[in-house]
N, C-alpha and C. Protein backbone atom coordinates (compact mmCIF):
# COMPACT_ATOMS: atom_id res chain seq x y z
N MET A 1 143.56 88.81 90.82
CA MET A 1 143.30 88.45 91.82
C MET A 1 143.45 88.03 92.97
N ALA A 2 143.97 86.94 94.03
CA ALA A 2 143.62 85.71 93.96
C ALA A 2 142.90 85.13 94.74
N LYS A 3 141.84 84.05 95.86
CA LYS A 3 141.46 83.71 95.86
C LYS A 3 141.78 84.14 97.76
N GLU A 4 142.32 84.66 98.09
CA GLU A 4 142.89 84.90 98.69
C GLU A 4 143.36 86.56 99.67
N ASP A 5 142.77 86.78 98.34
CA ASP A 5 142.67 87.95 98.85
C ASP A 5 141.38 88.92 98.64
N LEU A 6 140.41 88.03 98.98
CA LEU A 6 138.42 88.16 98.86
C LEU A 6 138.78 88.66 100.28
N ILE A 7 137.37 89.42 99.92
CA ILE A 7 136.62 90.14 101.45
C ILE A 7 135.20 89.20 101.39
N LYS A 8 134.67 88.97 102.65
CA LYS A 8 133.69 88.36 102.26
C LYS A 8 132.47 89.07 103.22
N GLN A 9 131.88 89.84 103.62
CA GLN A 9 130.78 90.47 104.81
C GLN A 9 129.69 90.29 103.82
N ASP A 10 128.44 89.51 105.18
CA ASP A 10 127.11 89.25 104.93
C ASP A 10 126.47 90.62 105.72
N GLY A 11 125.14 89.74 104.89
CA GLY A 11 124.94 91.61 105.10
C GLY A 11 123.19 91.17 104.31
N VAL A 12 121.71 92.10 104.64
CA VAL A 12 120.48 91.81 104.00
C VAL A 12 119.96 92.83 102.88
N VAL A 13 119.09 92.09 102.73
CA VAL A 13 118.17 92.51 100.67
C VAL A 13 118.11 93.71 101.85
N ALA A 14 118.07 94.86 101.29
CA ALA A 14 117.53 96.63 102.28
C ALA A 14 116.24 96.01 100.24
N GLU A 15 116.62 96.23 99.54
CA GLU A 15 115.41 97.03 98.58
C GLU A 15 116.08 96.07 97.17
N ALA A 16 114.81 95.41 96.88
CA ALA A 16 115.04 94.40 94.91
C ALA A 16 115.19 95.53 94.63
N LEU A 17 115.67 95.40 93.29
CA LEU A 17 115.37 96.55 91.99
C LEU A 17 115.42 95.10 91.11
N SER A 18 115.17 96.24 89.89
CA SER A 18 114.94 95.79 88.64
C SER A 18 116.13 94.62 88.24
N ASN A 19 116.16 94.01 86.77
CA ASN A 19 117.23 92.64 86.48
C ASN A 19 117.99 92.55 87.20
N ALA A 20 117.56 91.95 88.38
CA ALA A 20 117.77 90.96 89.53
C ALA A 20 119.00 91.91 90.03
N ASN A 21 118.56 92.82 90.22
CA ASN A 21 120.06 93.74 91.26
C ASN A 21 119.12 93.94 92.38
N PHE A 22 120.07 93.84 93.18
CA PHE A 22 119.55 93.89 95.06
C PHE A 22 119.97 95.39 95.71
N LYS A 23 119.42 96.23 96.50
CA LYS A 23 120.32 97.19 97.33
C LYS A 23 121.04 95.69 98.72
N VAL A 24 122.21 96.02 98.75
CA VAL A 24 122.15 94.64 100.73
C VAL A 24 123.21 95.76 101.07
N GLN A 25 122.51 95.95 102.66
CA GLN A 25 123.08 95.98 103.70
C GLN A 25 124.25 95.27 104.30
N LEU A 26 124.90 94.95 104.24
CA LEU A 26 126.23 95.70 105.44
C LEU A 26 126.22 95.22 106.29
N GLU A 27 126.72 94.28 107.06
CA GLU A 27 127.12 94.03 108.67
C GLU A 27 127.80 95.47 109.61
N ASN A 28 128.27 96.17 108.74
CA ASN A 28 129.40 97.68 109.49
C ASN A 28 127.98 98.40 108.67
N GLY A 29 126.97 98.62 107.65
CA GLY A 29 125.82 99.68 107.53
C GLY A 29 126.16 100.04 106.58
N HIS A 30 127.02 99.54 105.52
CA HIS A 30 127.71 99.84 103.99
C HIS A 30 126.51 100.03 103.34
N ILE A 31 126.18 100.20 101.97
CA ILE A 31 125.20 99.68 101.23
C ILE A 31 125.80 99.56 99.92
N ILE A 32 125.54 98.18 99.55
CA ILE A 32 126.08 98.03 98.39
C ILE A 32 124.68 97.83 96.95
N LEU A 33 125.32 97.79 96.17
CA LEU A 33 124.62 97.34 95.04
C LEU A 33 124.87 95.70 94.78
N ALA A 34 124.34 94.69 94.95
CA ALA A 34 124.06 93.56 94.07
C ALA A 34 123.37 93.14 93.07
N SER A 35 123.83 91.77 92.56
CA SER A 35 123.21 91.11 90.88
C SER A 35 123.07 89.90 91.09
N SER A 36 122.61 88.57 90.89
CA SER A 36 122.15 88.22 91.35
C SER A 36 123.05 87.37 90.77
N THR A 37 123.46 85.57 89.75
CA THR A 37 123.43 85.06 89.34
C THR A 37 122.83 84.42 88.66
N ASP A 38 123.17 82.97 88.22
CA ASP A 38 122.06 82.14 88.46
C ASP A 38 122.74 80.59 89.02
N THR A 39 123.92 80.71 88.75
CA THR A 39 124.44 79.83 90.37
C THR A 39 124.53 80.43 91.40
N SER A 40 123.16 81.83 91.57
CA SER A 40 122.76 81.78 92.93
C SER A 40 123.98 82.30 94.36
N LYS A 41 125.39 82.91 93.83
CA LYS A 41 125.72 83.61 93.85
C LYS A 41 125.37 85.22 94.07
N PHE A 42 126.00 86.39 94.95
CA PHE A 42 125.88 87.48 94.79
C PHE A 42 127.54 87.57 93.80
N LYS A 43 127.15 88.67 92.89
CA LYS A 43 128.02 89.84 92.30
C LYS A 43 127.89 90.71 93.10
N THR A 44 128.93 91.20 93.54
CA THR A 44 128.90 92.88 93.23
C THR A 44 129.78 94.07 93.35
N THR A 45 129.38 95.20 93.91
CA THR A 45 130.22 96.72 92.66
C THR A 45 129.84 97.78 94.19
N ILE A 46 131.14 97.92 94.17
CA ILE A 46 131.39 99.13 94.90
C ILE A 46 131.30 100.25 94.95
């Protein structure tokens, strides 16, 4: 996937889970699972 194919969304952490995982509610209302890395960026799984 090229960089120009990436999608950026803003969201709010709705729930902190174990193992540096979070439930994040996006601006459009969808809730996704995100995990924090040591670079303080989020990797998301939909």
